[in-house]
PDB file of N, CA and C in Angstrom:
ATOM      1  N   MET A   1     101.122  43.588 111.701  1.00  0.00           N
ATOM      2  CA  MET A   1     101.024  43.738 113.139  1.00  0.00           C
ATOM      3  C   MET A   1     100.680  45.199 113.421  1.00  0.00           C
ATOM      4  N   ASN A   2      99.673  45.401 114.285  1.00  0.00           N
ATOM      5  CA  ASN A   2      99.311  46.777 114.637  1.00  0.00           C
ATOM      6  C   ASN A   2     100.155  47.268 115.811  1.00  0.00           C
ATOM      7  N   LYS A   3      99.983  48.541 116.132  1.00  0.00           N
ATOM      8  CA  LYS A   3     100.806  49.173 117.165  1.00  0.00           C
ATOM      9  C   LYS A   3     100.611  48.512 118.536  1.00  0.00           C
ATOM     10  N   ALA A   4      99.374  48.183 118.886  1.00  0.00           N
ATOM     11  CA  ALA A   4      99.097  47.554 120.186  1.00  0.00           C
ATOM     12  C   ALA A   4      99.771  46.187 120.292  1.00  0.00           C
ATOM     13  N   ASP A   5      99.709  45.395 119.215  1.00  0.00           N
ATOM     14  CA  ASP A   5     100.356  44.083 119.219  1.00  0.00           C
ATOM     15  C   ASP A   5     101.872  44.223 119.326  1.00  0.00           C
ATOM     16  N   ALA A   6     102.421  45.186 118.600  1.00  0.00           N
ATOM     17  CA  ALA A   6     103.869  45.408 118.657  1.00  0.00           C
ATOM     18  C   ALA A   6     104.296  45.812 120.063  1.00  0.00           C
ATOM     19  N   LEU A   7     103.510  46.689 120.697  1.00  0.00           N
ATOM     20  CA  LEU A   7     103.830  47.129 122.053  1.00  0.00           C
ATOM     21  C   LEU A   7     103.753  45.958 123.033  1.00  0.00           C
ATOM     22  N   ASN A   8     102.743  45.131 122.923  1.00  0.00           N
ATOM     23  CA  ASN A   8     102.615  43.952 123.786  1.00  0.00           C
ATOM     24  C   ASN A   8     103.781  42.993 123.591  1.00  0.00           C
ATOM     25  N   ASN A   9     104.174  42.766 122.340  1.00  0.00           N
ATOM     26  CA  ASN A   9     105.317  41.891 122.061  1.00  0.00           C
ATOM     27  C   ASN A   9     106.601  42.471 122.640  1.00  0.00           C
ATOM     28  N   ALA A  10     106.789  43.780 122.467  1.00  0.00           N
ATOM     29  CA  ALA A  10     107.998  44.425 122.983  1.00  0.00           C
ATOM     30  C   ALA A  10     108.050  44.323 124.505  1.00  0.00           C
ATOM     31  N   ARG A  11     106.937  44.584 125.176  1.00  0.00           N
ATOM     32  CA  ARG A  11     106.903  44.484 126.641  1.00  0.00           C
ATOM     33  C   ARG A  11     107.206  43.062 127.106  1.00  0.00           C
ATOM     34  N   SER A  12     106.679  42.099 126.393  1.00  0.00           N
ATOM     35  CA  SER A  12     106.933  40.699 126.734  1.00  0.00           C
ATOM     36  C   SER A  12     108.421  40.368 126.586  1.00  0.00           C
ATOM     37  N   LEU A  13     109.030  40.857 125.515  1.00  0.00           N
ATOM     38  CA  LEU A  13     110.458  40.617 125.303  1.00  0.00           C
ATOM     39  C   LEU A  13     111.307  41.306 126.365  1.00  0.00           C
ATOM     40  N   VAL A  14     110.928  42.516 126.732  1.00  0.00           N
ATOM     41  CA  VAL A  14     111.664  43.229 127.783  1.00  0.00           C
ATOM     42  C   VAL A  14     111.549  42.473 129.098  1.00  0.00           C
ATOM     43  N   GLN A  15     110.356  42.015 129.433  1.00  0.00           N
ATOM     44  CA  GLN A  15     110.168  41.264 130.674  1.00  0.00           C
ATOM     45  C   GLN A  15     111.014  39.992 130.664  1.00  0.00           C
ATOM     46  N   GLU A  16     111.057  39.317 129.523  1.00  0.00           N
ATOM     47  CA  GLU A  16     111.884  38.114 129.411  1.00  0.00           C
ATOM     48  C   GLU A  16     113.361  38.455 129.614  1.00  0.00           C
ATOM     49  N   ALA A  17     113.822  39.566 129.031  1.00  0.00           N
ATOM     50  CA  ALA A  17     115.209  39.992 129.202  1.00  0.00           C
ATOM     51  C   ALA A  17     115.516  40.319 130.663  1.00  0.00           C
ATOM     52  N   VAL A  18     114.581  40.971 131.337  1.00  0.00           N
ATOM     53  CA  VAL A  18     114.754  41.302 132.750  1.00  0.00           C
ATOM     54  C   VAL A  18     114.833  40.023 133.583  1.00  0.00           C
ATOM     55  N   ASP A  19     113.956  39.077 133.300  1.00  0.00           N
ATOM     56  CA  ASP A  19     113.957  37.804 134.034  1.00  0.00           C
ATOM     57  C   ASP A  19     115.278  37.051 133.845  1.00  0.00           C
ATOM     58  N   VAL A  20     115.764  37.004 132.611  1.00  0.00           N
ATOM     59  CA  VAL A  20     117.030  36.325 132.326  1.00  0.00           C
ATOM     60  C   VAL A  20     118.173  37.021 133.059  1.00  0.00           C
ATOM     61  N   ALA A  21     118.185  38.345 133.032  1.00  0.00           N
ATOM     62  CA  ALA A  21     119.239  39.103 133.720  1.00  0.00           C
ATOM     63  C   ALA A  21     119.211  38.825 135.219  1.00  0.00           C
ATOM     64  N   GLN A  22     118.032  38.824 135.807  1.00  0.00           N
ATOM     65  CA  GLN A  22     117.926  38.569 137.255  1.00  0.00           C
ATOM     66  C   GLN A  22     118.407  37.169 137.610  1.00  0.00           C
ATOM     67  N   ARG A  23     118.064  36.186 136.803  1.00  0.00           N
ATOM     68  CA  ARG A  23     118.523  34.819 137.068  1.00  0.00           C
ATOM     69  C   ARG A  23     120.043  34.724 136.977  1.00  0.00           C
ATOM     70  N   ALA A  24     120.645  35.565 136.141  1.00  0.00           N
ATOM     71  CA  ALA A  24     122.098  35.559 135.974  1.00  0.00           C
ATOM     72  C   ALA A  24     122.796  36.459 136.981  1.00  0.00           C
ATOM     73  N   GLY A  25     122.019  37.112 137.847  1.00  0.00           N
ATOM     74  CA  GLY A  25     122.618  37.999 138.844  1.00  0.00           C
ATOM     75  C   GLY A  25     122.991  39.366 138.301  1.00  0.00           C
ATOM     76  N   ILE A  26     122.387  39.740 137.189  1.00  0.00           N
ATOM     77  CA  ILE A  26     122.642  41.043 136.567  1.00  0.00           C
ATOM     78  C   ILE A  26     121.474  41.961 136.893  1.00  0.00           C
ATOM     79  N   HIS A  27     121.790  43.178 137.329  1.00  0.00           N
ATOM     80  CA  HIS A  27     120.714  44.133 137.628  1.00  0.00           C
ATOM     81  C   HIS A  27     119.987  44.455 136.319  1.00  0.00           C
ATOM     82  N   PRO A  28     118.655  44.385 136.308  1.00  0.00           N
ATOM     83  CA  PRO A  28     117.893  44.619 135.074  1.00  0.00           C
ATOM     84  C   PRO A  28     118.184  45.955 134.399  1.00  0.00           C
ATOM     85  N   SER A  29     118.538  46.968 135.181  1.00  0.00           N
ATOM     86  CA  SER A  29     118.810  48.275 134.564  1.00  0.00           C
ATOM     87  C   SER A  29     119.995  48.211 133.607  1.00  0.00           C
ATOM     88  N   HIS A  30     120.924  47.270 133.840  1.00  0.00           N
ATOM     89  CA  HIS A  30     122.070  47.137 132.945  1.00  0.00           C
ATOM     90  C   HIS A  30     121.657  46.567 131.596  1.00  0.00           C
ATOM     91  N   VAL A  31     120.512  45.924 131.556  1.00  0.00           N
ATOM     92  CA  VAL A  31     119.998  45.373 130.302  1.00  0.00           C
ATOM     93  C   VAL A  31     119.095  46.390 129.613  1.00  0.00           C
ATOM     94  N   VAL A  32     118.228  47.026 130.376  1.00  0.00           N
ATOM     95  CA  VAL A  32     117.203  47.890 129.807  1.00  0.00           C
ATOM     96  C   VAL A  32     117.705  49.311 129.542  1.00  0.00           C
ATOM     97  N   ALA A  33     118.435  49.894 130.489  1.00  0.00           N
ATOM     98  CA  ALA A  33     118.825  51.307 130.401  1.00  0.00           C
ATOM     99  C   ALA A  33     119.547  51.680 129.104  1.00  0.00           C
ATOM    100  N   PRO A  34     120.476  50.871 128.604  1.00  0.00           N
ATOM    101  CA  PRO A  34     121.173  51.284 127.382  1.00  0.00           C
ATOM    102  C   PRO A  34     120.248  51.470 126.176  1.00  0.00           C
ATOM    103  N   HIS A  35     119.061  50.898 126.241  1.00  0.00           N
ATOM    104  CA  HIS A  35     118.131  50.980 125.119  1.00  0.00           C
ATOM    105  C   HIS A  35     117.086  52.071 125.297  1.00  0.00           C
ATOM    106  N   CYS A  36     117.182  52.811 126.367  1.00  0.00           N
ATOM    107  CA  CYS A  36     116.203  53.850 126.667  1.00  0.00           C
ATOM    108  C   CYS A  36     116.817  55.214 126.406  1.00  0.00           C
ATOM    109  N   ALA A  37     116.625  55.722 125.218  1.00  0.00           N
ATOM    110  CA  ALA A  37     117.227  57.003 124.864  1.00  0.00           C
ATOM    111  C   ALA A  37     116.482  58.168 125.486  1.00  0.00           C
ATOM    112  N   GLU A  38     115.224  57.990 125.797  1.00  0.00           N
ATOM    113  CA  GLU A  38     114.400  59.077 126.324  1.00  0.00           C
ATOM    114  C   GLU A  38     113.724  58.607 127.600  1.00  0.00           C
ATOM    115  N   THR A  39     113.789  59.394 128.673  1.00  0.00           N
ATOM    116  CA  THR A  39     113.209  58.970 129.943  1.00  0.00           C
ATOM    117  C   THR A  39     112.088  59.872 130.398  1.00  0.00           C
ATOM    118  N   ALA A  40     111.698  60.815 129.591  1.00  0.00           N
ATOM    119  CA  ALA A  40     110.721  61.805 130.035  1.00  0.00           C
ATOM    120  C   ALA A  40     109.299  61.314 129.870  1.00  0.00           C
ATOM    121  N   PRO A  41     108.405  61.787 130.757  1.00  0.00           N
ATOM    122  CA  PRO A  41     106.986  61.498 130.593  1.00  0.00           C
ATOM    123  C   PRO A  41     106.429  62.326 129.440  1.00  0.00           C
ATOM    124  N   PRO A  42     105.134  62.275 129.208  1.00  0.00           N
ATOM    125  CA  PRO A  42     104.550  63.029 128.108  1.00  0.00           C
ATOM    126  C   PRO A  42     104.916  64.514 128.175  1.00  0.00           C
ATOM    127  N   PRO A  43     104.934  65.206 127.009  1.00  0.00           N
ATOM    128  CA  PRO A  43     105.399  66.588 126.953  1.00  0.00           C
ATOM    129  C   PRO A  43     104.737  67.543 127.936  1.00  0.00           C
ATOM    130  N   ASP A  44     103.479  67.331 128.306  1.00  0.00           N
ATOM    131  CA  ASP A  44     102.824  68.266 129.209  1.00  0.00           C
ATOM    132  C   ASP A  44     103.306  68.125 130.647  1.00  0.00           C
ATOM    133  N   ASN A  45     104.163  67.159 130.935  1.00  0.00           N
ATOM    134  CA  ASN A  45     104.700  66.976 132.275  1.00  0.00           C
ATOM    135  C   ASN A  45     106.205  67.137 132.285  1.00  0.00           C
ATOM    136  N   ARG A  46     106.717  67.906 131.375  1.00  0.00           N
ATOM    137  CA  ARG A  46     108.142  67.968 131.176  1.00  0.00           C
ATOM    138  C   ARG A  46     108.602  69.410 131.084  1.00  0.00           C
ATOM    139  N   ASP A  47     109.702  69.723 131.696  1.00  0.00           N
ATOM    140  CA  ASP A  47     110.269  71.066 131.630  1.00  0.00           C
ATOM    141  C   ASP A  47     111.554  71.009 130.823  1.00  0.00           C
ATOM    142  N   GLY A  48     111.460  71.266 129.553  1.00  0.00           N
ATOM    143  CA  GLY A  48     112.653  71.282 128.711  1.00  0.00           C
ATOM    144  C   GLY A  48     112.981  69.915 128.159  1.00  0.00           C
ATOM    145  N   PRO A  49     113.884  69.860 127.186  1.00  0.00           N
ATOM    146  CA  PRO A  49     114.220  68.603 126.542  1.00  0.00           C
ATOM    147  C   PRO A  49     115.218  67.775 127.342  1.00  0.00           C
ATOM    148  N   GLY A  50     115.172  66.476 127.116  1.00  0.00           N
ATOM    149  CA  GLY A  50     116.192  65.582 127.653  1.00  0.00           C
ATOM    150  C   GLY A  50     115.972  65.160 129.087  1.00  0.00           C
ATOM    151  N   PRO A  51     116.599  64.043 129.475  1.00  0.00           N
ATOM    152  CA  PRO A  51     116.411  63.493 130.806  1.00  0.00           C
ATOM    153  C   PRO A  51     116.978  64.361 131.913  1.00  0.00           C
ATOM    154  N   GLY A  52     117.879  65.292 131.599  1.00  0.00           N
ATOM    155  CA  GLY A  52     118.435  66.165 132.619  1.00  0.00           C
ATOM    156  C   GLY A  52     117.400  67.105 133.220  1.00  0.00           C
ATOM    157  N   ASN A  53     116.300  67.318 132.500  1.00  0.00           N
ATOM    158  CA  ASN A  53     115.243  68.204 132.974  1.00  0.00           C
ATOM    159  C   ASN A  53     113.967  67.444 133.287  1.00  0.00           C
ATOM    160  N   LEU A  54     114.059  66.170 133.545  1.00  0.00           N
ATOM    161  CA  LEU A  54     112.887  65.355 133.807  1.00  0.00           C
ATOM    162  C   LEU A  54     112.229  65.780 135.102  1.00  0.00           C
ATOM    163  N   LYS A  55     110.923  66.037 135.036  1.00  0.00           N
ATOM    164  CA  LYS A  55     110.148  66.386 136.221  1.00  0.00           C
ATOM    165  C   LYS A  55     108.841  65.607 136.195  1.00  0.00           C
ATOM    166  N   TRP A  56     108.437  65.171 137.370  1.00  0.00           N
ATOM    167  CA  TRP A  56     107.135  64.533 137.534  1.00  0.00           C
ATOM    168  C   TRP A  56     106.332  65.400 138.476  1.00  0.00           C
ATOM    169  N   CYS A  57     105.195  65.877 138.012  1.00  0.00           N
ATOM    170  CA  CYS A  57     104.307  66.709 138.832  1.00  0.00           C
ATOM    171  C   CYS A  57     105.065  67.922 139.377  1.00  0.00           C
ATOM    172  N   GLY A  58     105.973  68.469 138.572  1.00  0.00           N
ATOM    173  CA  GLY A  58     106.731  69.646 138.971  1.00  0.00           C
ATOM    174  C   GLY A  58     107.936  69.364 139.846  1.00  0.00           C
ATOM    175  N   VAL A  59     108.188  68.103 140.173  1.00  0.00           N
ATOM    176  CA  VAL A  59     109.299  67.730 141.056  1.00  0.00           C
ATOM    177  C   VAL A  59     110.427  67.128 140.202  1.00  0.00           C
ATOM    178  N   PRO A  60     111.659  67.631 140.348  1.00  0.00           N
ATOM    179  CA  PRO A  60     112.779  67.073 139.573  1.00  0.00           C
ATOM    180  C   PRO A  60     112.997  65.587 139.871  1.00  0.00           C
ATOM    181  N   VAL A  61     113.413  64.866 138.834  1.00  0.00           N
ATOM    182  CA  VAL A  61     113.682  63.431 138.941  1.00  0.00           C
ATOM    183  C   VAL A  61     115.176  63.202 138.739  1.00  0.00           C
ATOM    184  N   ILE A  62     115.768  62.435 139.646  1.00  0.00           N
ATOM    185  CA  ILE A  62     117.173  62.059 139.552  1.00  0.00           C
ATOM    186  C   ILE A  62     117.242  60.570 139.266  1.00  0.00           C
ATOM    187  N   ILE A  63     117.918  60.208 138.180  1.00  0.00           N
ATOM    188  CA  ILE A  63     118.101  58.800 137.846  1.00  0.00           C
ATOM    189  C   ILE A  63     119.249  58.274 138.700  1.00  0.00           C
ATOM    190  N   ASP A  64     118.926  57.305 139.565  1.00  0.00           N
ATOM    191  CA  ASP A  64     119.890  56.749 140.512  1.00  0.00           C
ATOM    192  C   ASP A  64     119.664  55.247 140.556  1.00  0.00           C
ATOM    193  N   ASN A  65     120.511  54.495 139.866  1.00  0.00           N
ATOM    194  CA  ASN A  65     120.302  53.051 139.772  1.00  0.00           C
ATOM    195  C   ASN A  65     120.594  52.307 141.063  1.00  0.00           C
ATOM    196  N   ASP A  66     121.003  53.013 142.122  1.00  0.00           N
ATOM    197  CA  ASP A  66     121.162  52.399 143.436  1.00  0.00           C
ATOM    198  C   ASP A  66     119.898  52.520 144.276  1.00  0.00           C
ATOM    199  N   THR A  67     118.871  53.142 143.721  1.00  0.00           N
ATOM    200  CA  THR A  67     117.594  53.284 144.425  1.00  0.00           C
ATOM    201  C   THR A  67     116.986  51.908 144.631  1.00  0.00           C
ATOM    202  N   SER A  68     116.471  51.665 145.835  1.00  0.00           N
ATOM    203  CA  SER A  68     115.936  50.333 146.125  1.00  0.00           C
ATOM    204  C   SER A  68     114.412  50.263 146.041  1.00  0.00           C
ATOM    205  N   GLU A  69     113.735  51.380 146.093  1.00  0.00           N
ATOM    206  CA  GLU A  69     112.276  51.410 146.006  1.00  0.00           C
ATOM    207  C   GLU A  69     111.858  51.841 144.600  1.00  0.00           C
ATOM    208  N   LEU A  70     110.564  51.690 144.307  1.00  0.00           N
ATOM    209  CA  LEU A  70     110.063  52.121 143.006  1.00  0.00           C
ATOM    210  C   LEU A  70     110.237  53.626 142.853  1.00  0.00           C
ATOM    211  N   PHE A  71     109.785  54.380 143.869  1.00  0.00           N
ATOM    212  CA  PHE A  71     109.996  55.833 143.903  1.00  0.00           C
ATOM    213  C   PHE A  71     110.540  56.167 145.279  1.00  0.00           C
ATOM    214  N   GLU A  72     111.587  56.954 145.341  1.00  0.00           N
ATOM    215  CA  GLU A  72     112.079  57.475 146.608  1.00  0.00           C
ATOM    216  C   GLU A  72     112.134  58.985 146.498  1.00  0.00           C
ATOM    217  N   MET A  73     111.980  59.645 147.624  1.00  0.00           N
ATOM    218  CA  MET A  73     112.093  61.100 147.634  1.00  0.00           C
ATOM    219  C   MET A  73     113.196  61.498 148.600  1.00  0.00           C
ATOM    220  N   SER A  74     113.764  62.665 148.340  1.00  0.00           N
ATOM    221  CA  SER A  74     114.767  63.201 149.266  1.00  0.00           C
ATOM    222  C   SER A  74     114.115  63.391 150.626  1.00  0.00           C
ATOM    223  N   GLN A  75     114.899  63.242 151.684  1.00  0.00           N
ATOM    224  CA  GLN A  75     114.384  63.439 153.039  1.00  0.00           C
ATOM    225  C   GLN A  75     114.380  64.928 153.365  1.00  0.00           C
ATOM    226  N   PRO A  76     113.256  65.455 153.848  1.00  0.00           N
ATOM    227  CA  PRO A  76     113.237  66.875 154.221  1.00  0.00           C
ATOM    228  C   PRO A  76     114.231  67.155 155.351  1.00  0.00           C
ATOM    229  N   ASP A  77     114.904  68.307 155.245  1.00  0.00           N
ATOM    230  CA  ASP A  77     115.790  68.729 156.323  1.00  0.00           C
ATOM    231  C   ASP A  77     115.417  70.154 156.728  1.00  0.00           C
ATOM    232  N   ASP A  78     116.202  70.746 157.614  1.00  0.00           N
ATOM    233  CA  ASP A  78     115.829  72.060 158.137  1.00  0.00           C
ATOM    234  C   ASP A  78     116.299  73.220 157.258  1.00  0.00           C
ATOM    235  N   ASP A  79     116.834  72.940 156.088  1.00  0.00           N
ATOM    236  CA  ASP A  79     117.230  73.979 155.146  1.00  0.00           C
ATOM    237  C   ASP A  79     115.982  74.502 154.435  1.00  0.00           C
ATOM    238  N   PRO A  80     115.619  75.767 154.650  1.00  0.00           N
ATOM    239  CA  PRO A  80     114.406  76.300 154.030  1.00  0.00           C
ATOM    240  C   PRO A  80     114.463  76.345 152.502  1.00  0.00           C
ATOM    241  N   GLU A  81     115.656  76.274 151.932  1.00  0.00           N
ATOM    242  CA  GLU A  81     115.815  76.313 150.471  1.00  0.00           C
ATOM    243  C   GLU A  81     115.702  74.931 149.825  1.00  0.00           C
ATOM    244  N   GLN A  82     115.673  73.875 150.627  1.00  0.00           N
ATOM    245  CA  GLN A  82     115.614  72.518 150.084  1.00  0.00           C
ATOM    246  C   GLN A  82     114.318  72.302 149.316  1.00  0.00           C
ATOM    247  N   LYS A  83     114.426  71.636 148.195  1.00  0.00           N
ATOM    248  CA  LYS A  83     113.276  71.273 147.355  1.00  0.00           C
ATOM    249  C   LYS A  83     113.197  69.757 147.255  1.00  0.00           C
ATOM    250  N   PRO A  84     112.011  69.215 147.019  1.00  0.00           N
ATOM    251  CA  PRO A  84     111.879  67.762 146.889  1.00  0.00           C
ATOM    252  C   PRO A  84     112.476  67.260 145.569  1.00  0.00           C
ATOM    253  N   THR A  85     112.926  66.016 145.575  1.00  0.00           N
ATOM    254  CA  THR A  85     113.380  65.346 144.357  1.00  0.00           C
ATOM    255  C   THR A  85     112.963  63.882 144.427  1.00  0.00           C
ATOM    256  N   PHE A  86     112.595  63.343 143.278  1.00  0.00           N
ATOM    257  CA  PHE A  86     112.349  61.909 143.167  1.00  0.00           C
ATOM    258  C   PHE A  86     113.668  61.246 142.798  1.00  0.00           C
ATOM    259  N   HIS A  87     113.945  60.103 143.391  1.00  0.00           N
ATOM    260  CA  HIS A  87     115.108  59.291 143.032  1.00  0.00           C
ATOM    261  C   HIS A  87     114.561  57.967 142.516  1.00  0.00           C
ATOM    262  N   VAL A  88     114.894  57.629 141.278  1.00  0.00           N
ATOM    263  CA  VAL A  88     114.382  56.413 140.651  1.00  0.00           C
ATOM    264  C   VAL A  88     115.464  55.767 139.798  1.00  0.00           C
ATOM    265  N   THR A  89     115.298  54.495 139.539  1.00  0.00           N
ATOM    266  CA  THR A  89     116.202  53.816 138.614  1.00  0.00           C
ATOM    267  C   THR A  89     115.801  54.169 137.183  1.00  0.00           C
ATOM    268  N   GLN A  90     116.704  53.914 136.265  1.00  0.00           N
ATOM    269  CA  GLN A  90     116.405  54.140 134.848  1.00  0.00           C
ATOM    270  C   GLN A  90     115.193  53.322 134.418  1.00  0.00           C
ATOM    271  N   SER A  91     115.111  52.078 134.881  1.00  0.00           N
ATOM    272  CA  SER A  91     113.992  51.232 134.472  1.00  0.00           C
ATOM    273  C   SER A  91     112.667  51.754 135.030  1.00  0.00           C
ATOM    274  N   THR A  92     112.683  52.327 136.246  1.00  0.00           N
ATOM    275  CA  THR A  92     111.454  52.908 136.795  1.00  0.00           C
ATOM    276  C   THR A  92     111.047  54.137 135.991  1.00  0.00           C
ATOM    277  N   ALA A  93     112.016  54.976 135.634  1.00  0.00           N
ATOM    278  CA  ALA A  93     111.701  56.160 134.832  1.00  0.00           C
ATOM    279  C   ALA A  93     111.063  55.752 133.512  1.00  0.00           C
ATOM    280  N   THR A  94     111.577  54.698 132.917  1.00  0.00           N
ATOM    281  CA  THR A  94     111.028  54.203 131.659  1.00  0.00           C
ATOM    282  C   THR A  94     109.624  53.656 131.863  1.00  0.00           C
ATOM    283  N   LEU A  95     109.416  52.896 132.927  1.00  0.00           N
ATOM    284  CA  LEU A  95     108.105  52.346 133.240  1.00  0.00           C
ATOM    285  C   LEU A  95     107.079  53.458 133.429  1.00  0.00           C
ATOM    286  N   VAL A  96     107.439  54.482 134.181  1.00  0.00           N
ATOM    287  CA  VAL A  96     106.519  55.595 134.429  1.00  0.00           C
ATOM    288  C   VAL A  96     106.217  56.334 133.134  1.00  0.00           C
ATOM    289  N   ARG A  97     107.239  56.520 132.303  1.00  0.00           N
ATOM    290  CA  ARG A  97     107.031  57.212 131.023  1.00  0.00           C
ATOM    291  C   ARG A  97     105.998  56.484 130.173  1.00  0.00           C
ATOM    292  N   GLN A  98     106.002  55.159 130.219  1.00  0.00           N
ATOM    293  CA  GLN A  98     105.098  54.370 129.387  1.00  0.00           C
ATOM    294  C   GLN A  98     103.636  54.531 129.796  1.00  0.00           C
ATOM    295  N   ASP A  99     103.384  54.810 131.076  1.00  0.00           N
ATOM    296  CA  ASP A  99     102.002  54.923 131.548  1.00  0.00           C
ATOM    297  C   ASP A  99     101.932  55.967 132.665  1.00  0.00           C
ATOM    298  N   PHE A 100     102.303  57.210 132.333  1.00  0.00           N
ATOM    299  CA  PHE A 100     102.421  58.257 133.340  1.00  0.00           C
ATOM    300  C   PHE A 100     101.112  58.473 134.103  1.00  0.00           C
ATOM    301  N   GLU A 101      99.999  58.445 133.425  1.00  0.00           N
ATOM    302  CA  GLU A 101      98.709  58.714 134.078  1.00  0.00           C
ATOM    303  C   GLU A 101      98.417  57.716 135.192  1.00  0.00           C
ATOM    304  N   ARG A 102      98.893  56.517 135.052  1.00  0.00           N
ATOM    305  CA  ARG A 102      98.681  55.490 136.080  1.00  0.00           C
ATOM    306  C   ARG A 102      99.423  55.837 137.381  1.00  0.00           C
ATOM    307  N   TYR A 103     100.610  56.394 137.249  1.00  0.00           N
ATOM    308  CA  TYR A 103     101.440  56.685 138.414  1.00  0.00           C
ATOM    309  C   TYR A 103     101.265  58.105 138.953  1.00  0.00           C
ATOM    310  N   LYS A 104     100.665  58.973 138.168  1.00  0.00           N
ATOM    311  CA  LYS A 104     100.554  60.387 138.531  1.00  0.00           C
ATOM    312  C   LYS A 104      99.923  60.615 139.904  1.00  0.00           C
ATOM    313  N   PRO A 105      98.797  59.962 140.257  1.00  0.00           N
ATOM    314  CA  PRO A 105      98.214  60.213 141.583  1.00  0.00           C
ATOM    315  C   PRO A 105      99.173  59.875 142.733  1.00  0.00           C
ATOM    316  N   SER A 106      99.923  58.796 142.607  1.00  0.00           N
ATOM    317  CA  SER A 106     100.890  58.425 143.652  1.00  0.00           C
ATOM    318  C   SER A 106     102.012  59.450 143.737  1.00  0.00           C
ATOM    319  N   LEU A 107     102.480  59.904 142.586  1.00  0.00           N
ATOM    320  CA  LEU A 107     103.553  60.891 142.562  1.00  0.00           C
ATOM    321  C   LEU A 107     103.092  62.208 143.175  1.00  0.00           C
ATOM    322  N   GLU A 108     101.878  62.617 142.837  1.00  0.00           N
ATOM    323  CA  GLU A 108     101.330  63.850 143.407  1.00  0.00           C
ATOM    324  C   GLU A 108     101.202  63.735 144.926  1.00  0.00           C
ATOM    325  N   ARG A 109     100.715  62.590 145.374  1.00  0.00           N
ATOM    326  CA  ARG A 109     100.548  62.359 146.816  1.00  0.00           C
ATOM    327  C   ARG A 109     101.909  62.388 147.533  1.00  0.00           C
ATOM    328  N   MET A 110     102.912  61.771 146.926  1.00  0.00           N
ATOM    329  CA  MET A 110     104.248  61.782 147.525  1.00  0.00           C
ATOM    330  C   MET A 110     104.783  63.206 147.623  1.00  0.00           C
ATOM    331  N   ALA A 111     104.585  63.998 146.571  1.00  0.00           N
ATOM    332  CA  ALA A 111     105.061  65.389 146.578  1.00  0.00           C
ATOM    333  C   ALA A 111     104.336  66.200 147.645  1.00  0.00           C
ATOM    334  N   GLU A 112     103.035  65.973 147.781  1.00  0.00           N
ATOM    335  CA  GLU A 112     102.258  66.679 148.813  1.00  0.00           C
ATOM    336  C   GLU A 112     102.703  66.262 150.214  1.00  0.00           C
ATOM    337  N   ASP A 113     102.901  64.973 150.422  1.00  0.00           N
ATOM    338  CA  ASP A 113     103.366  64.482 151.730  1.00  0.00           C
ATOM    339  C   ASP A 113     104.733  65.062 152.074  1.00  0.00           C
ATOM    340  N   TRP A 114     105.619  65.126 151.069  1.00  0.00           N
ATOM    341  CA  TRP A 114     106.947  65.695 151.307  1.00  0.00           C
ATOM    342  C   TRP A 114     106.810  67.156 151.743  1.00  0.00           C
ATOM    343  N   GLN A 115     105.957  67.905 151.038  1.00  0.00           N
ATOM    344  CA  GLN A 115     105.789  69.321 151.346  1.00  0.00           C
ATOM    345  C   GLN A 115     105.226  69.503 152.756  1.00  0.00           C
ATOM    346  N   GLU A 116     104.271  68.651 153.152  1.00  0.00           N
ATOM    347  CA  GLU A 116     103.713  68.722 154.506  1.00  0.00           C
ATOM    348  C   GLU A 116     104.793  68.416 155.551  1.00  0.00           C
ATOM    349  N   SER A 117     105.590  67.399 155.304  1.00  0.00           N
ATOM    350  CA  SER A 117     106.673  67.052 156.236  1.00  0.00           C
ATOM    351  C   SER A 117     107.678  68.188 156.341  1.00  0.00           C
ATOM    352  N   LYS A 118     107.979  68.793 155.218  1.00  0.00           N
ATOM    353  CA  LYS A 118     108.934  69.904 155.201  1.00  0.00           C
ATOM    354  C   LYS A 118     108.386  71.084 156.001  1.00  0.00           C
ATOM    355  N   THR A 119     107.117  71.400 155.805  1.00  0.00           N
ATOM    356  CA  THR A 119     106.486  72.507 156.529  1.00  0.00           C
ATOM    357  C   THR A 119     106.522  72.256 158.028  1.00  0.00           C
ATOM    358  N   LEU A 120     106.183  71.028 158.454  1.00  0.00           N
ATOM    359  CA  LEU A 120     106.214  70.697 159.884  1.00  0.00           C
ATOM    360  C   LEU A 120     107.634  70.799 160.444  1.00  0.00           C
ATOM    361  N   LEU A 121     108.604  70.335 159.700  1.00  0.00           N
ATOM    362  CA  LEU A 121     109.998  70.386 160.132  1.00  0.00           C
ATOM    363  C   LEU A 121     110.469  71.826 160.302  1.00  0.00           C
ATOM    364  N   ILE A 122     110.126  72.676 159.364  1.00  0.00           N
ATOM    365  CA  ILE A 122     110.511  74.089 159.443  1.00  0.00           C
ATOM    366  C   ILE A 122     109.796  74.777 160.619  1.00  0.00           C
ATOM    367  N   GLN A 123     108.514  74.440 160.814  1.00  0.00           N
ATOM    368  CA  GLN A 123     107.766  75.012 161.942  1.00  0.00           C
ATOM    369  C   GLN A 123     108.401  74.606 163.282  1.00  0.00           C
ATOM    370  N   LYS A 124     108.781  73.336 163.395  1.00  0.00           N
ATOM    371  CA  LYS A 124     109.439  72.868 164.631  1.00  0.00           C
ATOM    372  C   LYS A 124     110.753  73.599 164.856  1.00  0.00           C
ATOM    373  N   ALA A 125     111.513  73.780 163.791  1.00  0.00           N
ATOM    374  CA  ALA A 125     112.795  74.483 163.895  1.00  0.00           C
ATOM    375  C   ALA A 125     112.574  75.930 164.329  1.00  0.00           C
ATOM    376  N   ASN A 126     111.542  76.575 163.803  1.00  0.00           N
ATOM    377  CA  ASN A 126     111.232  77.952 164.173  1.00  0.00           C
ATOM    378  C   ASN A 126     110.721  78.051 165.616  1.00  0.00           C
ATOM    379  N   ASP A 127     109.946  77.067 166.057  1.00  0.00           N
ATOM    380  CA  ASP A 127     109.411  77.055 167.407  1.00  0.00           C
ATOM    381  C   ASP A 127     110.507  76.868 168.463  1.00  0.00           C
ATOM    382  N   SER A 128     111.551  76.124 168.097  1.00  0.00           N
ATOM    383  CA  SER A 128     112.615  75.849 169.058  1.00  0.00           C
ATOM    384  C   SER A 128     113.620  77.006 169.169  1.00  0.00           C
ATOM    385  N   GLU A 129     113.508  77.987 168.303  1.00  0.00           N
ATOM    386  CA  GLU A 129     114.434  79.130 168.362  1.00  0.00           C
ATOM    387  C   GLU A 129     114.063  80.120 169.419  1.00  0.00           C
TER     388      GLU A 129
END
């Protein structure tokens, strides 16, 4: 079996495990997460070793299995020191790691949109002073 066939078989088995877990009322992350020792994207998109330093497009990633969307970002507030963060489930982090280039444009767009919203919020706060 070559690497591509093995990867296809593994993905199929993971999908089957996720489906079985969902039918049983078990959150898929409880099945998949324990088997994911590494959550980082490719080395050129990573700041330091380990999932504690996981960054996508320069934005820190927080693993939060209560996240309901594929990718969520922190809401901008009027604190000028606030920085954006992605909030994702363990299974989403693993999915993105497997095909980072596919998700990169969306992640970049989200980071840019967050920065624009933050800039507008800070400008409004400054204008009202």
